[in-house]
C-alpha atoms as a PDB file:
ATOM      1  CA  UNK A   1      11.449   3.417  34.890  1.00  0.00           C
ATOM      2  CA  UNK A   2       9.399   6.566  34.302  1.00  0.00           C
ATOM      3  CA  UNK A   3      12.539   8.272  33.046  1.00  0.00           C
ATOM      4  CA  UNK A   4      13.009   5.621  30.351  1.00  0.00           C
ATOM      5  CA  UNK A   5       9.421   6.048  29.157  1.00  0.00           C
ATOM      6  CA  UNK A   6       9.797   9.827  29.067  1.00  0.00           C
ATOM      7  CA  UNK A   7      13.136   9.705  27.254  1.00  0.00           C
ATOM      8  CA  UNK A   8      11.795   7.283  24.639  1.00  0.00           C
ATOM      9  CA  UNK A   9       8.636   9.358  24.218  1.00  0.00           C
ATOM     10  CA  UNK A  10      10.667  12.543  23.639  1.00  0.00           C
ATOM     11  CA  UNK A  11      13.052  10.770  21.221  1.00  0.00           C
ATOM     12  CA  UNK A  12      10.193   9.287  19.182  1.00  0.00           C
ATOM     13  CA  UNK A  13       8.278  12.586  19.052  1.00  0.00           C
ATOM     14  CA  UNK A  14      11.439  14.499  18.060  1.00  0.00           C
ATOM     15  CA  UNK A  15      12.376  12.046  15.295  1.00  0.00           C
ATOM     16  CA  UNK A  16       8.768  11.600  14.164  1.00  0.00           C
ATOM     17  CA  UNK A  17       7.960  15.290  13.797  1.00  0.00           C
ATOM     18  CA  UNK A  18      11.229  15.977  11.989  1.00  0.00           C
ATOM     19  CA  UNK A  19      10.664  13.061   9.614  1.00  0.00           C
ATOM     20  CA  UNK A  20       7.064  14.123   8.937  1.00  0.00           C
ATOM     21  CA  UNK A  21       8.223  17.623   7.970  1.00  0.00           C
ATOM     22  CA  UNK A  22      11.213  16.414   5.951  1.00  0.00           C
ATOM     23  CA  UNK A  23       9.231  13.650   4.273  1.00  0.00           C
ATOM     24  CA  UNK A  24       6.322  15.923   3.394  1.00  0.00           C
ATOM     25  CA  UNK A  25       8.723  18.502   1.922  1.00  0.00           C
ATOM     26  CA  UNK A  26      10.284  15.773  -0.238  1.00  0.00           C
ATOM     27  CA  UNK A  27       6.849  14.550  -1.335  1.00  0.00           C
ATOM     28  CA  UNK A  28       5.504  18.026  -2.161  1.00  0.00           C
ATOM     29  CA  UNK A  29       8.713  19.317  -3.814  1.00  0.00           C
ATOM     30  CA  UNK A  30      10.603  16.185  -4.931  1.00  0.00           C
ATOM     31  CA  UNK A  31      13.007  18.115  -7.192  1.00  0.00           C
ATOM     32  CA  UNK A  32      14.244  20.493  -4.466  1.00  0.00           C
ATOM     33  CA  UNK A  33      12.839  19.801  -0.982  1.00  0.00           C
ATOM     34  CA  UNK A  34      13.848  22.583   1.400  1.00  0.00           C
ATOM     35  CA  UNK A  35      16.292  23.819  -1.257  1.00  0.00           C
ATOM     36  CA  UNK A  36      18.195  20.513  -1.421  1.00  0.00           C
ATOM     37  CA  UNK A  37      19.806  20.010  -4.860  1.00  0.00           C
ATOM     38  CA  UNK A  38      19.530  16.749  -6.820  1.00  0.00           C
ATOM     39  CA  UNK A  39      23.331  16.335  -7.009  1.00  0.00           C
ATOM     40  CA  UNK A  40      23.581  14.076  -3.922  1.00  0.00           C
ATOM     41  CA  UNK A  41      21.286  11.557  -5.657  1.00  0.00           C
ATOM     42  CA  UNK A  42      23.636  10.963  -8.619  1.00  0.00           C
ATOM     43  CA  UNK A  43      24.946   7.634  -7.179  1.00  0.00           C
ATOM     44  CA  UNK A  44      21.540   6.413  -6.012  1.00  0.00           C
ATOM     45  CA  UNK A  45      18.677   4.660  -7.816  1.00  0.00           C
ATOM     46  CA  UNK A  46      16.496   7.769  -7.358  1.00  0.00           C
ATOM     47  CA  UNK A  47      15.957  10.592  -9.855  1.00  0.00           C
ATOM     48  CA  UNK A  48      14.367  12.829  -7.231  1.00  0.00           C
ATOM     49  CA  UNK A  49      13.417  12.802  -3.543  1.00  0.00           C
ATOM     50  CA  UNK A  50       9.861  11.461  -3.934  1.00  0.00           C
ATOM     51  CA  UNK A  51      10.462   7.800  -2.974  1.00  0.00           C
ATOM     52  CA  UNK A  52      12.887   8.621  -0.129  1.00  0.00           C
ATOM     53  CA  UNK A  53      10.376  11.236   1.043  1.00  0.00           C
ATOM     54  CA  UNK A  54       7.536   8.711   1.124  1.00  0.00           C
ATOM     55  CA  UNK A  55       9.692   6.258   3.100  1.00  0.00           C
ATOM     56  CA  UNK A  56      10.853   9.015   5.460  1.00  0.00           C
ATOM     57  CA  UNK A  57       7.290  10.236   6.026  1.00  0.00           C
ATOM     58  CA  UNK A  58       5.654   6.835   6.528  1.00  0.00           C
ATOM     59  CA  UNK A  59       8.252   4.588   8.163  1.00  0.00           C
ATOM     60  CA  UNK A  60      10.350   7.048  10.140  1.00  0.00           C
ATOM     61  CA  UNK A  61       7.759   9.808  10.663  1.00  0.00           C
ATOM     62  CA  UNK A  62       4.483   7.999  11.267  1.00  0.00           C
ATOM     63  CA  UNK A  63       6.276   5.001  12.778  1.00  0.00           C
ATOM     64  CA  UNK A  64       7.942   7.088  15.474  1.00  0.00           C
ATOM     65  CA  UNK A  65       4.740   9.019  16.214  1.00  0.00           C
ATOM     66  CA  UNK A  66       2.841   5.723  16.598  1.00  0.00           C
ATOM     67  CA  UNK A  67       5.654   4.422  18.783  1.00  0.00           C
ATOM     68  CA  UNK A  68       5.408   7.501  21.020  1.00  0.00           C
ATOM     69  CA  UNK A  69       1.670   6.980  21.461  1.00  0.00           C
ATOM     70  CA  UNK A  70       2.075   3.284  22.300  1.00  0.00           C
ATOM     71  CA  UNK A  71       4.515   4.367  25.006  1.00  0.00           C
ATOM     72  CA  UNK A  72       2.000   6.879  26.326  1.00  0.00           C
ATOM     73  CA  UNK A  73      -0.795   4.269  26.224  1.00  0.00           C
ATOM     74  CA  UNK A  74       1.420   1.695  28.021  1.00  0.00           C
ATOM     75  CA  UNK A  75       0.825  -0.888  25.307  1.00  0.00           C
ATOM     76  CA  UNK A  76       1.987  -4.429  26.024  1.00  0.00           C
ATOM     77  CA  UNK A  77       4.070  -4.326  22.842  1.00  0.00           C
ATOM     78  CA  UNK A  78       5.623  -0.891  23.413  1.00  0.00           C
ATOM     79  CA  UNK A  79       9.143  -2.274  23.849  1.00  0.00           C
ATOM     80  CA  UNK A  80       8.952  -4.119  20.541  1.00  0.00           C
ATOM     81  CA  UNK A  81       7.389  -1.211  18.652  1.00  0.00           C
ATOM     82  CA  UNK A  82       9.905   1.266  20.025  1.00  0.00           C
ATOM     83  CA  UNK A  83      12.773  -1.080  19.191  1.00  0.00           C
ATOM     84  CA  UNK A  84      11.581  -1.645  15.616  1.00  0.00           C
ATOM     85  CA  UNK A  85      11.338   2.057  14.816  1.00  0.00           C
ATOM     86  CA  UNK A  86      14.594   2.888  16.604  1.00  0.00           C
ATOM     87  CA  UNK A  87      16.416   0.268  14.516  1.00  0.00           C
ATOM     88  CA  UNK A  88      14.572   1.532  11.415  1.00  0.00           C
ATOM     89  CA  UNK A  89      16.139   4.942  12.035  1.00  0.00           C
ATOM     90  CA  UNK A  90      19.606   3.389  12.398  1.00  0.00           C
ATOM     91  CA  UNK A  91      19.160   1.420   9.166  1.00  0.00           C
ATOM     92  CA  UNK A  92      17.772   4.502   7.370  1.00  0.00           C
ATOM     93  CA  UNK A  93      20.848   6.525   8.329  1.00  0.00           C
ATOM     94  CA  UNK A  94      23.326   3.785   7.368  1.00  0.00           C
ATOM     95  CA  UNK A  95      21.657   3.228   3.981  1.00  0.00           C
ATOM     96  CA  UNK A  96      21.498   6.973   3.388  1.00  0.00           C
ATOM     97  CA  UNK A  97      25.223   7.399   4.129  1.00  0.00           C
ATOM     98  CA  UNK A  98      26.130   4.467   1.877  1.00  0.00           C
ATOM     99  CA  UNK A  99      23.983   5.735  -1.002  1.00  0.00           C
ATOM    100  CA  UNK A 100      25.083   9.341  -0.695  1.00  0.00           C
ATOM    101  CA  UNK A 101      28.706   8.303  -0.071  1.00  0.00           C
ATOM    102  CA  UNK A 102      28.933  10.973   2.602  1.00  0.00           C
ATOM    103  CA  UNK A 103      28.540  11.380   6.350  1.00  0.00           C
ATOM    104  CA  UNK A 104      27.364  14.649   7.875  1.00  0.00           C
ATOM    105  CA  UNK A 105      26.902  15.732  11.479  1.00  0.00           C
ATOM    106  CA  UNK A 106      23.140  15.099  11.321  1.00  0.00           C
ATOM    107  CA  UNK A 107      23.768  11.524  10.171  1.00  0.00           C
ATOM    108  CA  UNK A 108      25.913  10.893  13.236  1.00  0.00           C
ATOM    109  CA  UNK A 109      23.395  12.616  15.518  1.00  0.00           C
ATOM    110  CA  UNK A 110      20.407  10.629  14.260  1.00  0.00           C
ATOM    111  CA  UNK A 111      22.429   7.399  14.249  1.00  0.00           C
ATOM    112  CA  UNK A 112      23.182   7.962  17.950  1.00  0.00           C
ATOM    113  CA  UNK A 113      19.532   8.842  18.638  1.00  0.00           C
ATOM    114  CA  UNK A 114      18.482   5.586  16.943  1.00  0.00           C
ATOM    115  CA  UNK A 115      20.959   3.532  18.980  1.00  0.00           C
ATOM    116  CA  UNK A 116      19.871   5.283  22.175  1.00  0.00           C
ATOM    117  CA  UNK A 117      16.226   4.510  21.400  1.00  0.00           C
ATOM    118  CA  UNK A 118      17.074   0.879  20.644  1.00  0.00           C
ATOM    119  CA  UNK A 119      19.025   0.566  23.890  1.00  0.00           C
ATOM    120  CA  UNK A 120      16.212   2.066  25.965  1.00  0.00           C
ATOM    121  CA  UNK A 121      13.734  -0.233  24.206  1.00  0.00           C
ATOM    122  CA  UNK A 122      15.820  -3.243  25.209  1.00  0.00           C
ATOM    123  CA  UNK A 123      15.736  -1.997  28.813  1.00  0.00           C
ATOM    124  CA  UNK A 124      11.917  -1.967  28.559  1.00  0.00           C
ATOM    125  CA  UNK A 125      11.907  -5.536  27.250  1.00  0.00           C
ATOM    126  CA  UNK A 126      14.126  -6.661  30.136  1.00  0.00           C
ATOM    127  CA  UNK A 127      11.947  -4.836  32.653  1.00  0.00           C
ATOM    128  CA  UNK A 128       8.807  -6.483  31.249  1.00  0.00           C
ATOM    129  CA  UNK A 129      10.633  -9.822  30.920  1.00  0.00           C
ATOM    130  CA  UNK A 130       9.537 -10.221  27.311  1.00  0.00           C
ATOM    131  CA  UNK A 131      11.269 -12.114  24.491  1.00  0.00           C
ATOM    132  CA  UNK A 132      14.265 -12.041  23.866  1.00  0.00           C
ATOM    133  CA  UNK A 133      15.040 -10.606  27.298  1.00  0.00           C
ATOM    134  CA  UNK A 134      13.333 -13.510  29.063  1.00  0.00           C
ATOM    135  CA  UNK A 135      15.720 -15.980  27.400  1.00  0.00           C
ATOM    136  CA  UNK A 136      18.754 -13.999  28.546  1.00  0.00           C
ATOM    137  CA  UNK A 137      17.360 -13.692  32.080  1.00  0.00           C
ATOM    138  CA  UNK A 138      16.559 -17.419  32.284  1.00  0.00           C
ATOM    139  CA  UNK A 139      20.015 -18.313  30.968  1.00  0.00           C
ATOM    140  CA  UNK A 140      21.614 -16.015  33.530  1.00  0.00           C
ATOM    141  CA  UNK A 141      19.554 -17.573  36.341  1.00  0.00           C
ATOM    142  CA  UNK A 142      20.437 -21.112  35.255  1.00  0.00           C
ATOM    143  CA  UNK A 143      24.170 -20.295  35.077  1.00  0.00           C
ATOM    144  CA  UNK A 144      24.031 -18.499  38.412  1.00  0.00           C
ATOM    145  CA  UNK A 145      22.136 -21.421  39.956  1.00  0.00           C
ATOM    146  CA  UNK A 146      24.679 -23.996  38.709  1.00  0.00           C
ATOM    147  CA  UNK A 147      27.601 -22.035  40.132  1.00  0.00           C
ATOM    148  CA  UNK A 148      25.964 -21.849  43.548  1.00  0.00           C
ATOM    149  CA  UNK A 149      25.137 -25.578  43.700  1.00  0.00           C
ATOM    150  CA  UNK A 150      28.624 -26.711  42.596  1.00  0.00           C
END
């Protein structure tokens, strides 16, 4: 179980720090963050990278850093928090690919990282027997119990 906590902690710190840097660059230099041209935004509702940068910084960046610290603090809600921000990363990547009408290697990498984080978060929920894992476990026990008694 320690390995799951460590893996999730590393994933959240990695994603969080990257998103804080990328988001802050987009906030400070919305017309060309890290040398990125505005051309990819032509099919999006954005004129520059300011709004995406704010979302990247707050939701993905701060969210993953907070998630890492709840894992370290062994919060009761760590499975939920980790799951929410892992799925937020997956959604962020999907929306970004749809809006940009392109898929790059980093999109695939971060999509996989998000799915991995979500999967590990579900393992935490099962281990702690929290909702929705408790429903699945109770259903499994009731089905298993009926098969034995029949």
